[in-house]
Amino acid sequence: MMSLQKATLFALYAVLELAEDTDRQLSASEIAERYNISTNHLAKVLRDLGRAGLVESVRGAGGGYRFCGNAKRTTLLDVVRLFEEVGAGPTSGIVQETNAGAALSLVMDEIEEITHATLLSISIETMLKLMRKRRPEKPSSTGLFRAV
């Protein structure tokens, strides 16, 4: 199972929530409450997403954040790489001078390539379609990714 930093997971939650209705604005606290996460941590993540051009801050009464990216072109990789080193190579620490190390290194490199390709192939729009098919009342603690 792939592990993601909390900031990465928070960013994915925020992008998907905001992209679901681009006319709607949500505050950091509204998103944080929905996913039972830290508002302060999420606010920092939203600032990073804003600098990347994926969300924008709307000031004033009824303000908050809204998605301003392109859901068809923005991929999970675009969001993940803002917070994670993707493609950095998981083989660090593996003793490659041994047969076992070399074999393990090859497998880990392949896993990294598959992960990269998968994240690159899934757009925010695709995720929104998945969300519409079955949207649980509360976010599940199980799934493809877990926070570390």
C-alpha atoms as a PDB file:
ATOM      1  CA  MET A   1       0.000   0.000   0.000  1.00  0.00           C
ATOM      2  CA  MET A   2       1.259   3.459  -0.849  1.00  0.00           C
ATOM      3  CA  SER A   3       1.658   5.840   2.071  1.00  0.00           C
ATOM      4  CA  LEU A   4       1.058   9.550   1.669  1.00  0.00           C
ATOM      5  CA  GLN A   5       2.034  12.413   3.938  1.00  0.00           C
ATOM      6  CA  LYS A   6      -0.896  13.984   5.785  1.00  0.00           C
ATOM      7  CA  ALA A   7      -0.476  17.192   3.777  1.00  0.00           C
ATOM      8  CA  THR A   8      -0.814  15.240   0.520  1.00  0.00           C
ATOM      9  CA  LEU A   9      -3.949  13.481   1.671  1.00  0.00           C
ATOM     10  CA  PHE A  10      -5.422  16.782   2.909  1.00  0.00           C
ATOM     11  CA  ALA A  11      -4.638  18.357  -0.480  1.00  0.00           C
ATOM     12  CA  LEU A  12      -6.409  15.553  -2.323  1.00  0.00           C
ATOM     13  CA  TYR A  13      -9.456  15.883  -0.070  1.00  0.00           C
ATOM     14  CA  ALA A  14      -9.567  19.642  -0.611  1.00  0.00           C
ATOM     15  CA  VAL A  15      -9.078  19.526  -4.376  1.00  0.00           C
ATOM     16  CA  LEU A  16     -11.749  16.866  -4.807  1.00  0.00           C
ATOM     17  CA  GLU A  17     -14.235  18.632  -2.531  1.00  0.00           C
ATOM     18  CA  LEU A  18     -13.737  21.962  -4.269  1.00  0.00           C
ATOM     19  CA  ALA A  19     -13.654  20.513  -7.802  1.00  0.00           C
ATOM     20  CA  GLU A  20     -16.972  18.777  -7.218  1.00  0.00           C
ATOM     21  CA  ASP A  21     -18.744  22.137  -7.640  1.00  0.00           C
ATOM     22  CA  THR A  22     -16.518  24.903  -9.011  1.00  0.00           C
ATOM     23  CA  ASP A  23     -19.142  27.568  -8.293  1.00  0.00           C
ATOM     24  CA  ARG A  24     -19.180  26.671  -4.603  1.00  0.00           C
ATOM     25  CA  GLN A  25     -16.767  28.134  -2.098  1.00  0.00           C
ATOM     26  CA  LEU A  26     -15.815  26.269   1.060  1.00  0.00           C
ATOM     27  CA  SER A  27     -13.831  27.470   4.033  1.00  0.00           C
ATOM     28  CA  ALA A  28     -10.876  25.511   5.357  1.00  0.00           C
ATOM     29  CA  SER A  29     -12.900  24.737   8.469  1.00  0.00           C
ATOM     30  CA  GLU A  30     -15.815  23.317   6.435  1.00  0.00           C
ATOM     31  CA  ILE A  31     -13.500  20.938   4.584  1.00  0.00           C
ATOM     32  CA  ALA A  32     -11.575  20.080   7.748  1.00  0.00           C
ATOM     33  CA  GLU A  33     -14.776  19.287   9.619  1.00  0.00           C
ATOM     34  CA  ARG A  34     -16.015  17.004   6.855  1.00  0.00           C
ATOM     35  CA  TYR A  35     -12.818  14.914   6.976  1.00  0.00           C
ATOM     36  CA  ASN A  36     -12.125  15.343  10.693  1.00  0.00           C
ATOM     37  CA  ILE A  37      -8.707  16.898  10.050  1.00  0.00           C
ATOM     38  CA  SER A  38      -6.794  19.882  11.432  1.00  0.00           C
ATOM     39  CA  THR A  39      -8.079  23.223  10.122  1.00  0.00           C
ATOM     40  CA  ASN A  40      -4.685  24.870  10.650  1.00  0.00           C
ATOM     41  CA  HIS A  41      -2.839  22.144   8.742  1.00  0.00           C
ATOM     42  CA  LEU A  42      -5.431  22.243   5.952  1.00  0.00           C
ATOM     43  CA  ALA A  43      -5.144  26.047   5.700  1.00  0.00           C
ATOM     44  CA  LYS A  44      -1.399  25.682   5.032  1.00  0.00           C
ATOM     45  CA  VAL A  45      -2.106  23.029   2.404  1.00  0.00           C
ATOM     46  CA  LEU A  46      -4.706  25.281   0.748  1.00  0.00           C
ATOM     47  CA  ARG A  47      -2.126  28.083   0.543  1.00  0.00           C
ATOM     48  CA  ASP A  48       0.246  25.693  -1.256  1.00  0.00           C
ATOM     49  CA  LEU A  49      -2.548  24.641  -3.611  1.00  0.00           C
ATOM     50  CA  GLY A  50      -3.257  28.326  -4.252  1.00  0.00           C
ATOM     51  CA  ARG A  51       0.379  29.008  -5.152  1.00  0.00           C
ATOM     52  CA  ALA A  52       0.181  26.062  -7.564  1.00  0.00           C
ATOM     53  CA  GLY A  53      -2.895  27.588  -9.237  1.00  0.00           C
ATOM     54  CA  LEU A  54      -5.290  24.783  -8.302  1.00  0.00           C
ATOM     55  CA  VAL A  55      -7.444  26.703  -5.817  1.00  0.00           C
ATOM     56  CA  GLU A  56      -8.122  30.353  -5.218  1.00  0.00           C
ATOM     57  CA  SER A  57      -9.076  32.220  -2.102  1.00  0.00           C
ATOM     58  CA  VAL A  58     -12.340  34.155  -2.235  1.00  0.00           C
ATOM     59  CA  ARG A  59     -12.494  37.027   0.258  1.00  0.00           C
ATOM     60  CA  GLY A  60     -15.489  38.534   2.004  1.00  0.00           C
ATOM     61  CA  ALA A  61     -18.805  37.253   3.292  1.00  0.00           C
ATOM     62  CA  GLY A  62     -19.434  33.730   2.050  1.00  0.00           C
ATOM     63  CA  GLY A  63     -15.803  33.540   1.008  1.00  0.00           C
ATOM     64  CA  GLY A  64     -13.533  30.563   1.212  1.00  0.00           C
ATOM     65  CA  TYR A  65     -11.731  28.541  -1.418  1.00  0.00           C
ATOM     66  CA  ARG A  66     -12.772  27.318  -4.815  1.00  0.00           C
ATOM     67  CA  PHE A  67     -11.185  25.034  -7.387  1.00  0.00           C
ATOM     68  CA  CYS A  68      -9.770  26.942 -10.341  1.00  0.00           C
ATOM     69  CA  GLY A  69      -7.757  24.207 -12.045  1.00  0.00           C
ATOM     70  CA  ASN A  70      -8.764  22.150 -15.053  1.00  0.00           C
ATOM     71  CA  ALA A  71     -10.363  18.928 -13.756  1.00  0.00           C
ATOM     72  CA  LYS A  72      -9.841  17.183 -17.104  1.00  0.00           C
ATOM     73  CA  ARG A  73      -6.126  17.971 -17.254  1.00  0.00           C
ATOM     74  CA  THR A  74      -5.132  18.026 -13.592  1.00  0.00           C
ATOM     75  CA  THR A  75      -4.009  14.589 -12.443  1.00  0.00           C
ATOM     76  CA  LEU A  76      -3.525  13.040  -9.042  1.00  0.00           C
ATOM     77  CA  LEU A  77       0.200  13.257  -9.750  1.00  0.00           C
ATOM     78  CA  ASP A  78      -0.067  17.045 -10.142  1.00  0.00           C
ATOM     79  CA  VAL A  79      -1.449  17.291  -6.619  1.00  0.00           C
ATOM     80  CA  VAL A  80       0.732  14.611  -5.029  1.00  0.00           C
ATOM     81  CA  ARG A  81       4.012  15.999  -6.370  1.00  0.00           C
ATOM     82  CA  LEU A  82       3.332  19.331  -4.649  1.00  0.00           C
ATOM     83  CA  PHE A  83       3.833  17.556  -1.326  1.00  0.00           C
ATOM     84  CA  GLU A  84       5.797  14.374  -2.097  1.00  0.00           C
ATOM     85  CA  GLU A  85       8.934  13.417  -3.975  1.00  0.00           C
ATOM     86  CA  VAL A  86       7.455  11.226  -6.673  1.00  0.00           C
ATOM     87  CA  GLY A  87       9.970   9.330  -8.746  1.00  0.00           C
ATOM     88  CA  ALA A  88      12.758   9.979  -6.239  1.00  0.00           C
ATOM     89  CA  GLY A  89      13.457   6.263  -6.265  1.00  0.00           C
ATOM     90  CA  PRO A  90      12.536   3.958  -3.423  1.00  0.00           C
ATOM     91  CA  THR A  91      15.838   2.097  -3.663  1.00  0.00           C
ATOM     92  CA  SER A  92      17.741   4.324  -1.256  1.00  0.00           C
ATOM     93  CA  GLY A  93      18.966   2.213   1.628  1.00  0.00           C
ATOM     94  CA  ILE A  94      18.946  -1.001  -0.397  1.00  0.00           C
ATOM     95  CA  VAL A  95      22.367  -2.646  -0.591  1.00  0.00           C
ATOM     96  CA  GLN A  96      22.516  -3.098  -4.346  1.00  0.00           C
ATOM     97  CA  GLU A  97      25.898  -4.836  -4.346  1.00  0.00           C
ATOM     98  CA  THR A  98      24.228  -8.095  -3.296  1.00  0.00           C
ATOM     99  CA  ASN A  99      22.039 -10.316  -5.495  1.00  0.00           C
ATOM    100  CA  ALA A 100      19.110  -9.885  -3.130  1.00  0.00           C
ATOM    101  CA  GLY A 101      19.603  -6.121  -3.021  1.00  0.00           C
ATOM    102  CA  ALA A 102      19.845  -5.837  -6.798  1.00  0.00           C
ATOM    103  CA  ALA A 103      16.678  -7.922  -7.250  1.00  0.00           C
ATOM    104  CA  LEU A 104      14.813  -5.930  -4.596  1.00  0.00           C
ATOM    105  CA  SER A 105      15.965  -2.696  -6.189  1.00  0.00           C
ATOM    106  CA  LEU A 106      14.569  -3.773  -9.584  1.00  0.00           C
ATOM    107  CA  VAL A 107      11.190  -4.645  -8.049  1.00  0.00           C
ATOM    108  CA  MET A 108      11.014  -1.406  -6.052  1.00  0.00           C
ATOM    109  CA  ASP A 109      11.905   0.647  -9.138  1.00  0.00           C
ATOM    110  CA  GLU A 110       9.106  -1.061 -11.058  1.00  0.00           C
ATOM    111  CA  ILE A 111       6.629  -0.347  -8.253  1.00  0.00           C
ATOM    112  CA  GLU A 112       7.691   3.309  -8.304  1.00  0.00           C
ATOM    113  CA  GLU A 113       7.207   3.484 -12.094  1.00  0.00           C
ATOM    114  CA  ILE A 114       3.749   1.899 -11.850  1.00  0.00           C
ATOM    115  CA  THR A 115       2.749   4.282  -9.061  1.00  0.00           C
ATOM    116  CA  HIS A 116       3.954   7.278 -11.096  1.00  0.00           C
ATOM    117  CA  ALA A 117       2.107   6.105 -14.216  1.00  0.00           C
ATOM    118  CA  THR A 118      -1.089   5.406 -12.269  1.00  0.00           C
ATOM    119  CA  LEU A 119      -1.135   8.802 -10.547  1.00  0.00           C
ATOM    120  CA  LEU A 120      -0.411  10.454 -13.902  1.00  0.00           C
ATOM    121  CA  SER A 121      -3.253   8.569 -15.619  1.00  0.00           C
ATOM    122  CA  ILE A 122      -6.026   9.535 -13.186  1.00  0.00           C
ATOM    123  CA  SER A 123      -7.493  12.994 -13.630  1.00  0.00           C
ATOM    124  CA  ILE A 124      -9.470  14.947 -11.071  1.00  0.00           C
ATOM    125  CA  GLU A 125     -12.449  14.529 -13.412  1.00  0.00           C
ATOM    126  CA  THR A 126     -12.063  10.734 -13.236  1.00  0.00           C
ATOM    127  CA  MET A 127     -11.980  10.930  -9.441  1.00  0.00           C
ATOM    128  CA  LEU A 128     -15.140  13.055  -9.436  1.00  0.00           C
ATOM    129  CA  LYS A 129     -16.898  10.398 -11.532  1.00  0.00           C
ATOM    130  CA  LEU A 130     -15.831   7.752  -9.011  1.00  0.00           C
ATOM    131  CA  MET A 131     -17.098   9.936  -6.168  1.00  0.00           C
ATOM    132  CA  ARG A 132     -20.483  10.357  -7.847  1.00  0.00           C
ATOM    133  CA  LYS A 133     -20.907   6.608  -8.277  1.00  0.00           C
ATOM    134  CA  ARG A 134     -20.736   5.999  -4.562  1.00  0.00           C
ATOM    135  CA  ARG A 135     -20.277   8.724  -2.024  1.00  0.00           C
ATOM    136  CA  PRO A 136     -20.204   7.562   1.597  1.00  0.00           C
ATOM    137  CA  GLU A 137     -21.706   9.749   4.312  1.00  0.00           C
ATOM    138  CA  LYS A 138     -18.368   9.948   6.113  1.00  0.00           C
ATOM    139  CA  PRO A 139     -14.914   9.380   4.651  1.00  0.00           C
ATOM    140  CA  SER A 140     -13.651   5.851   5.093  1.00  0.00           C
ATOM    141  CA  SER A 141     -10.429   5.220   6.969  1.00  0.00           C
ATOM    142  CA  THR A 142      -9.564   2.489   4.464  1.00  0.00           C
ATOM    143  CA  GLY A 143      -8.774   2.906   0.825  1.00  0.00           C
ATOM    144  CA  LEU A 144      -5.975   3.136  -1.661  1.00  0.00           C
ATOM    145  CA  PHE A 145      -3.910   5.563   0.354  1.00  0.00           C
ATOM    146  CA  ARG A 146      -3.186   6.085   4.010  1.00  0.00           C
ATOM    147  CA  ALA A 147      -1.632   9.088   5.728  1.00  0.00           C
ATOM    148  CA  VAL A 148       1.694   8.736   7.507  1.00  0.00           C
END
